[in-house]
């Protein structure tokens, strides 16, 4: 089972979904749905995520294997 890269990056920084959502101006539930892959981010949300994580949104939403 894979996890989204944005989840791995968030956990590596020791941040909760709530903390990131607040920093980027999204409701926590919206961030959670995007991170889990159940909601495709809007163009504005994608730009905000790219700016925060400094990676293309396509890479952030890709599934990665956990080691």
PDB file of N, CA and C in Angstrom:
ATOM      1  N   UNK A   1       0.849  -1.178   0.000  1.00  0.00           N
ATOM      2  CA  UNK A   1       0.000   0.000   0.000  1.00  0.00           C
ATOM      3  C   UNK A   1       0.895   1.242   0.000  1.00  0.00           C
ATOM      4  N   UNK A   2       0.585   2.183  -0.831  1.00  0.00           N
ATOM      5  CA  UNK A   2       1.372   3.397  -0.912  1.00  0.00           C
ATOM      6  C   UNK A   2       0.725   4.560  -0.174  1.00  0.00           C
ATOM      7  N   UNK A   3       1.495   5.579   0.038  1.00  0.00           N
ATOM      8  CA  UNK A   3       0.992   6.812   0.638  1.00  0.00           C
ATOM      9  C   UNK A   3       1.389   7.975  -0.265  1.00  0.00           C
ATOM     10  N   UNK A   4       0.639   9.037  -0.199  1.00  0.00           N
ATOM     11  CA  UNK A   4       0.928  10.212  -1.006  1.00  0.00           C
ATOM     12  C   UNK A   4       2.206  10.882  -0.501  1.00  0.00           C
ATOM     13  N   UNK A   5       2.981  11.400  -1.440  1.00  0.00           N
ATOM     14  CA  UNK A   5       4.240  12.055  -1.083  1.00  0.00           C
ATOM     15  C   UNK A   5       4.012  13.207  -0.119  1.00  0.00           C
ATOM     16  N   UNK A   6       2.921  13.947  -0.287  1.00  0.00           N
ATOM     17  CA  UNK A   6       2.709  15.089   0.604  1.00  0.00           C
ATOM     18  C   UNK A   6       2.547  14.624   2.055  1.00  0.00           C
ATOM     19  N   UNK A   7       2.001  13.443   2.261  1.00  0.00           N
ATOM     20  CA  UNK A   7       1.905  12.908   3.621  1.00  0.00           C
ATOM     21  C   UNK A   7       3.299  12.608   4.170  1.00  0.00           C
ATOM     22  N   UNK A   8       4.134  11.984   3.342  1.00  0.00           N
ATOM     23  CA  UNK A   8       5.496  11.668   3.788  1.00  0.00           C
ATOM     24  C   UNK A   8       6.267  12.938   4.145  1.00  0.00           C
ATOM     25  N   UNK A   9       6.133  13.975   3.313  1.00  0.00           N
ATOM     26  CA  UNK A   9       6.827  15.241   3.584  1.00  0.00           C
ATOM     27  C   UNK A   9       6.300  15.892   4.855  1.00  0.00           C
ATOM     28  N   UNK A  10       4.987  15.851   5.033  1.00  0.00           N
ATOM     29  CA  UNK A  10       4.385  16.441   6.240  1.00  0.00           C
ATOM     30  C   UNK A  10       4.894  15.729   7.487  1.00  0.00           C
ATOM     31  N   UNK A  11       4.887  14.410   7.453  1.00  0.00           N
ATOM     32  CA  UNK A  11       5.341  13.643   8.611  1.00  0.00           C
ATOM     33  C   UNK A  11       6.830  13.851   8.876  1.00  0.00           C
ATOM     34  N   UNK A  12       7.615  13.981   7.827  1.00  0.00           N
ATOM     35  CA  UNK A  12       9.050  14.218   7.992  1.00  0.00           C
ATOM     36  C   UNK A  12       9.319  15.542   8.700  1.00  0.00           C
ATOM     37  N   UNK A  13       8.435  16.507   8.492  1.00  0.00           N
ATOM     38  CA  UNK A  13       8.567  17.810   9.160  1.00  0.00           C
ATOM     39  C   UNK A  13       7.940  17.816  10.547  1.00  0.00           C
ATOM     40  N   UNK A  14       7.283  16.716  10.917  1.00  0.00           N
ATOM     41  CA  UNK A  14       6.649  16.622  12.235  1.00  0.00           C
ATOM     42  C   UNK A  14       5.409  17.493  12.364  1.00  0.00           C
ATOM     43  N   UNK A  15       4.709  17.710  11.249  1.00  0.00           N
ATOM     44  CA  UNK A  15       3.530  18.564  11.260  1.00  0.00           C
ATOM     45  C   UNK A  15       2.256  17.733  11.155  1.00  0.00           C
ATOM     46  N   UNK A  16       1.186  18.252  11.740  1.00  0.00           N
ATOM     47  CA  UNK A  16      -0.118  17.612  11.607  1.00  0.00           C
ATOM     48  C   UNK A  16      -0.835  18.192  10.391  1.00  0.00           C
ATOM     49  N   UNK A  17      -1.870  17.510   9.961  1.00  0.00           N
ATOM     50  CA  UNK A  17      -2.683  18.038   8.869  1.00  0.00           C
ATOM     51  C   UNK A  17      -3.267  19.397   9.254  1.00  0.00           C
ATOM     52  N   UNK A  18      -3.686  19.525  10.492  1.00  0.00           N
ATOM     53  CA  UNK A  18      -4.280  20.780  10.974  1.00  0.00           C
ATOM     54  C   UNK A  18      -3.277  21.930  10.888  1.00  0.00           C
ATOM     55  N   UNK A  19      -2.024  21.667  11.267  1.00  0.00           N
ATOM     56  CA  UNK A  19      -0.995  22.715  11.218  1.00  0.00           C
ATOM     57  C   UNK A  19      -0.725  23.176   9.791  1.00  0.00           C
ATOM     58  N   UNK A  20      -0.599  22.233   8.870  1.00  0.00           N
ATOM     59  CA  UNK A  20      -0.348  22.615   7.483  1.00  0.00           C
ATOM     60  C   UNK A  20      -1.556  23.341   6.916  1.00  0.00           C
ATOM     61  N   UNK A  21      -2.742  22.807   7.155  1.00  0.00           N
ATOM     62  CA  UNK A  21      -3.959  23.437   6.641  1.00  0.00           C
ATOM     63  C   UNK A  21      -4.056  24.891   7.099  1.00  0.00           C
ATOM     64  N   UNK A  22      -3.746  25.138   8.347  1.00  0.00           N
ATOM     65  CA  UNK A  22      -3.792  26.505   8.870  1.00  0.00           C
ATOM     66  C   UNK A  22      -2.744  27.378   8.191  1.00  0.00           C
ATOM     67  N   UNK A  23      -1.552  26.860   7.986  1.00  0.00           N
ATOM     68  CA  UNK A  23      -0.472  27.635   7.355  1.00  0.00           C
ATOM     69  C   UNK A  23      -0.787  28.006   5.906  1.00  0.00           C
ATOM     70  N   UNK A  24      -1.490  27.117   5.200  1.00  0.00           N
ATOM     71  CA  UNK A  24      -1.754  27.384   3.789  1.00  0.00           C
ATOM     72  C   UNK A  24      -3.166  27.912   3.535  1.00  0.00           C
ATOM     73  N   UNK A  25      -3.951  28.043   4.587  1.00  0.00           N
ATOM     74  CA  UNK A  25      -5.252  28.666   4.450  1.00  0.00           C
ATOM     75  C   UNK A  25      -6.359  27.775   3.922  1.00  0.00           C
ATOM     76  N   UNK A  26      -6.272  26.473   4.215  1.00  0.00           N
ATOM     77  CA  UNK A  26      -7.327  25.543   3.827  1.00  0.00           C
ATOM     78  C   UNK A  26      -7.978  24.968   5.074  1.00  0.00           C
ATOM     79  N   UNK A  27      -9.259  24.624   5.004  1.00  0.00           N
ATOM     80  CA  UNK A  27      -9.852  23.874   6.116  1.00  0.00           C
ATOM     81  C   UNK A  27      -9.132  22.530   6.255  1.00  0.00           C
ATOM     82  N   UNK A  28      -8.994  22.051   7.473  1.00  0.00           N
ATOM     83  CA  UNK A  28      -8.281  20.793   7.707  1.00  0.00           C
ATOM     84  C   UNK A  28      -8.932  19.649   6.955  1.00  0.00           C
ATOM     85  N   UNK A  29     -10.256  19.615   6.886  1.00  0.00           N
ATOM     86  CA  UNK A  29     -10.937  18.508   6.219  1.00  0.00           C
ATOM     87  C   UNK A  29     -10.639  18.501   4.717  1.00  0.00           C
ATOM     88  N   UNK A  30     -10.468  19.669   4.114  1.00  0.00           N
ATOM     89  CA  UNK A  30     -10.129  19.750   2.692  1.00  0.00           C
ATOM     90  C   UNK A  30      -8.710  19.226   2.485  1.00  0.00           C
ATOM     91  N   UNK A  31      -7.789  19.679   3.332  1.00  0.00           N
ATOM     92  CA  UNK A  31      -6.406  19.194   3.235  1.00  0.00           C
ATOM     93  C   UNK A  31      -6.367  17.673   3.380  1.00  0.00           C
ATOM     94  N   UNK A  32      -7.112  17.140   4.329  1.00  0.00           N
ATOM     95  CA  UNK A  32      -7.145  15.699   4.567  1.00  0.00           C
ATOM     96  C   UNK A  32      -7.632  14.949   3.330  1.00  0.00           C
ATOM     97  N   UNK A  33      -8.680  15.447   2.694  1.00  0.00           N
ATOM     98  CA  UNK A  33      -9.208  14.792   1.496  1.00  0.00           C
ATOM     99  C   UNK A  33      -8.205  14.834   0.347  1.00  0.00           C
ATOM    100  N   UNK A  34      -7.506  15.953   0.199  1.00  0.00           N
ATOM    101  CA  UNK A  34      -6.489  16.060  -0.856  1.00  0.00           C
ATOM    102  C   UNK A  34      -5.341  15.097  -0.573  1.00  0.00           C
ATOM    103  N   UNK A  35      -4.864  15.100   0.665  1.00  0.00           N
ATOM    104  CA  UNK A  35      -3.733  14.244   1.029  1.00  0.00           C
ATOM    105  C   UNK A  35      -4.076  12.768   0.843  1.00  0.00           C
ATOM    106  N   UNK A  36      -5.308  12.388   1.101  1.00  0.00           N
ATOM    107  CA  UNK A  36      -5.706  10.986   0.979  1.00  0.00           C
ATOM    108  C   UNK A  36      -6.041  10.597  -0.459  1.00  0.00           C
ATOM    109  N   UNK A  37      -6.115  11.583  -1.359  1.00  0.00           N
ATOM    110  CA  UNK A  37      -6.420  11.299  -2.749  1.00  0.00           C
ATOM    111  C   UNK A  37      -7.901  11.241  -3.051  1.00  0.00           C
ATOM    112  N   UNK A  38      -8.747  11.604  -2.091  1.00  0.00           N
ATOM    113  CA  UNK A  38     -10.192  11.571  -2.311  1.00  0.00           C
ATOM    114  C   UNK A  38     -10.730  12.856  -2.904  1.00  0.00           C
ATOM    115  N   UNK A  39      -9.890  13.891  -3.007  1.00  0.00           N
ATOM    116  CA  UNK A  39     -10.295  15.162  -3.598  1.00  0.00           C
ATOM    117  C   UNK A  39      -9.147  15.688  -4.442  1.00  0.00           C
ATOM    118  N   UNK A  40      -9.452  16.027  -5.670  1.00  0.00           N
ATOM    119  CA  UNK A  40      -8.447  16.638  -6.539  1.00  0.00           C
ATOM    120  C   UNK A  40      -8.385  18.128  -6.207  1.00  0.00           C
ATOM    121  N   UNK A  41      -7.185  18.659  -5.954  1.00  0.00           N
ATOM    122  CA  UNK A  41      -7.092  20.077  -5.600  1.00  0.00           C
ATOM    123  C   UNK A  41      -7.475  20.977  -6.774  1.00  0.00           C
ATOM    124  N   UNK A  42      -8.090  22.108  -6.443  1.00  0.00           N
ATOM    125  CA  UNK A  42      -8.371  23.115  -7.466  1.00  0.00           C
ATOM    126  C   UNK A  42      -7.037  23.698  -7.934  1.00  0.00           C
ATOM    127  N   UNK A  43      -7.076  24.497  -8.973  1.00  0.00           N
ATOM    128  CA  UNK A  43      -5.839  25.119  -9.459  1.00  0.00           C
ATOM    129  C   UNK A  43      -5.204  25.979  -8.375  1.00  0.00           C
ATOM    130  N   UNK A  44      -6.010  26.754  -7.659  1.00  0.00           N
ATOM    131  CA  UNK A  44      -5.485  27.601  -6.592  1.00  0.00           C
ATOM    132  C   UNK A  44      -4.886  26.747  -5.480  1.00  0.00           C
ATOM    133  N   UNK A  45      -5.590  25.698  -5.072  1.00  0.00           N
ATOM    134  CA  UNK A  45      -5.085  24.814  -4.023  1.00  0.00           C
ATOM    135  C   UNK A  45      -3.792  24.136  -4.468  1.00  0.00           C
ATOM    136  N   UNK A  46      -3.722  23.733  -5.727  1.00  0.00           N
ATOM    137  CA  UNK A  46      -2.505  23.095  -6.246  1.00  0.00           C
ATOM    138  C   UNK A  46      -1.324  24.050  -6.167  1.00  0.00           C
ATOM    139  N   UNK A  47      -1.529  25.312  -6.544  1.00  0.00           N
ATOM    140  CA  UNK A  47      -0.433  26.305  -6.468  1.00  0.00           C
ATOM    141  C   UNK A  47       0.020  26.511  -5.022  1.00  0.00           C
ATOM    142  N   UNK A  48      -0.930  26.573  -4.105  1.00  0.00           N
ATOM    143  CA  UNK A  48      -0.595  26.757  -2.690  1.00  0.00           C
ATOM    144  C   UNK A  48       0.221  25.566  -2.181  1.00  0.00           C
ATOM    145  N   UNK A  49      -0.193  24.360  -2.546  1.00  0.00           N
ATOM    146  CA  UNK A  49       0.535  23.158  -2.125  1.00  0.00           C
ATOM    147  C   UNK A  49       1.937  23.120  -2.721  1.00  0.00           C
ATOM    148  N   UNK A  50       2.054  23.481  -3.998  1.00  0.00           N
ATOM    149  CA  UNK A  50       3.369  23.521  -4.644  1.00  0.00           C
ATOM    150  C   UNK A  50       4.282  24.535  -3.966  1.00  0.00           C
ATOM    151  N   UNK A  51       3.750  25.679  -3.618  1.00  0.00           N
ATOM    152  CA  UNK A  51       4.550  26.702  -2.937  1.00  0.00           C
ATOM    153  C   UNK A  51       4.993  26.229  -1.555  1.00  0.00           C
ATOM    154  N   UNK A  52       4.089  25.593  -0.831  1.00  0.00           N
ATOM    155  CA  UNK A  52       4.418  25.155   0.527  1.00  0.00           C
ATOM    156  C   UNK A  52       5.460  24.037   0.519  1.00  0.00           C
ATOM    157  N   UNK A  53       5.227  23.013  -0.301  1.00  0.00           N
ATOM    158  CA  UNK A  53       6.122  21.855  -0.322  1.00  0.00           C
ATOM    159  C   UNK A  53       7.296  22.002  -1.276  1.00  0.00           C
ATOM    160  N   UNK A  54       7.246  23.014  -2.150  1.00  0.00           N
ATOM    161  CA  UNK A  54       8.299  23.267  -3.141  1.00  0.00           C
ATOM    162  C   UNK A  54       8.505  22.089  -4.085  1.00  0.00           C
ATOM    163  N   UNK A  55       7.392  21.479  -4.470  1.00  0.00           N
ATOM    164  CA  UNK A  55       7.402  20.375  -5.425  1.00  0.00           C
ATOM    165  C   UNK A  55       6.160  20.475  -6.291  1.00  0.00           C
ATOM    166  N   UNK A  56       6.212  19.952  -7.516  1.00  0.00           N
ATOM    167  CA  UNK A  56       5.025  19.960  -8.375  1.00  0.00           C
ATOM    168  C   UNK A  56       3.903  19.125  -7.753  1.00  0.00           C
ATOM    169  N   UNK A  57       2.681  19.590  -7.903  1.00  0.00           N
ATOM    170  CA  UNK A  57       1.552  18.894  -7.298  1.00  0.00           C
ATOM    171  C   UNK A  57       1.436  17.462  -7.822  1.00  0.00           C
ATOM    172  N   UNK A  58       1.816  17.226  -9.078  1.00  0.00           N
ATOM    173  CA  UNK A  58       1.767  15.865  -9.615  1.00  0.00           C
ATOM    174  C   UNK A  58       2.640  14.920  -8.788  1.00  0.00           C
ATOM    175  N   UNK A  59       3.776  15.400  -8.360  1.00  0.00           N
ATOM    176  CA  UNK A  59       4.683  14.589  -7.538  1.00  0.00           C
ATOM    177  C   UNK A  59       4.119  14.426  -6.119  1.00  0.00           C
ATOM    178  N   UNK A  60       3.510  15.483  -5.592  1.00  0.00           N
ATOM    179  CA  UNK A  60       2.955  15.425  -4.237  1.00  0.00           C
ATOM    180  C   UNK A  60       1.833  14.409  -4.121  1.00  0.00           C
ATOM    181  N   UNK A  61       1.051  14.256  -5.180  1.00  0.00           N
ATOM    182  CA  UNK A  61      -0.112  13.370  -5.135  1.00  0.00           C
ATOM    183  C   UNK A  61       0.193  11.945  -5.582  1.00  0.00           C
ATOM    184  N   UNK A  62       1.414  11.702  -6.022  1.00  0.00           N
ATOM    185  CA  UNK A  62       1.811  10.365  -6.454  1.00  0.00           C
ATOM    186  C   UNK A  62       1.891   9.424  -5.255  1.00  0.00           C
ATOM    187  N   UNK A  63       1.561   8.167  -5.495  1.00  0.00           N
ATOM    188  CA  UNK A  63       1.667   7.163  -4.435  1.00  0.00           C
ATOM    189  C   UNK A  63       3.106   6.685  -4.322  1.00  0.00           C
ATOM    190  N   UNK A  64       3.575   6.524  -3.102  1.00  0.00           N
ATOM    191  CA  UNK A  64       4.928   6.061  -2.827  1.00  0.00           C
ATOM    192  C   UNK A  64       4.825   4.868  -1.878  1.00  0.00           C
ATOM    193  N   UNK A  65       5.758   3.967  -2.030  1.00  0.00           N
ATOM    194  CA  UNK A  65       5.819   2.824  -1.102  1.00  0.00           C
ATOM    195  C   UNK A  65       6.501   3.262   0.173  1.00  0.00           C
ATOM    196  N   UNK A  66       5.933   2.811   1.279  1.00  0.00           N
ATOM    197  CA  UNK A  66       6.581   3.070   2.561  1.00  0.00           C
ATOM    198  C   UNK A  66       7.635   2.012   2.798  1.00  0.00           C
ATOM    199  N   UNK A  67       8.741   2.435   3.398  1.00  0.00           N
ATOM    200  CA  UNK A  67       9.825   1.497   3.690  1.00  0.00           C
ATOM    201  C   UNK A  67       9.776   1.096   5.133  1.00  0.00           C
TER     202      UNK A  67
END
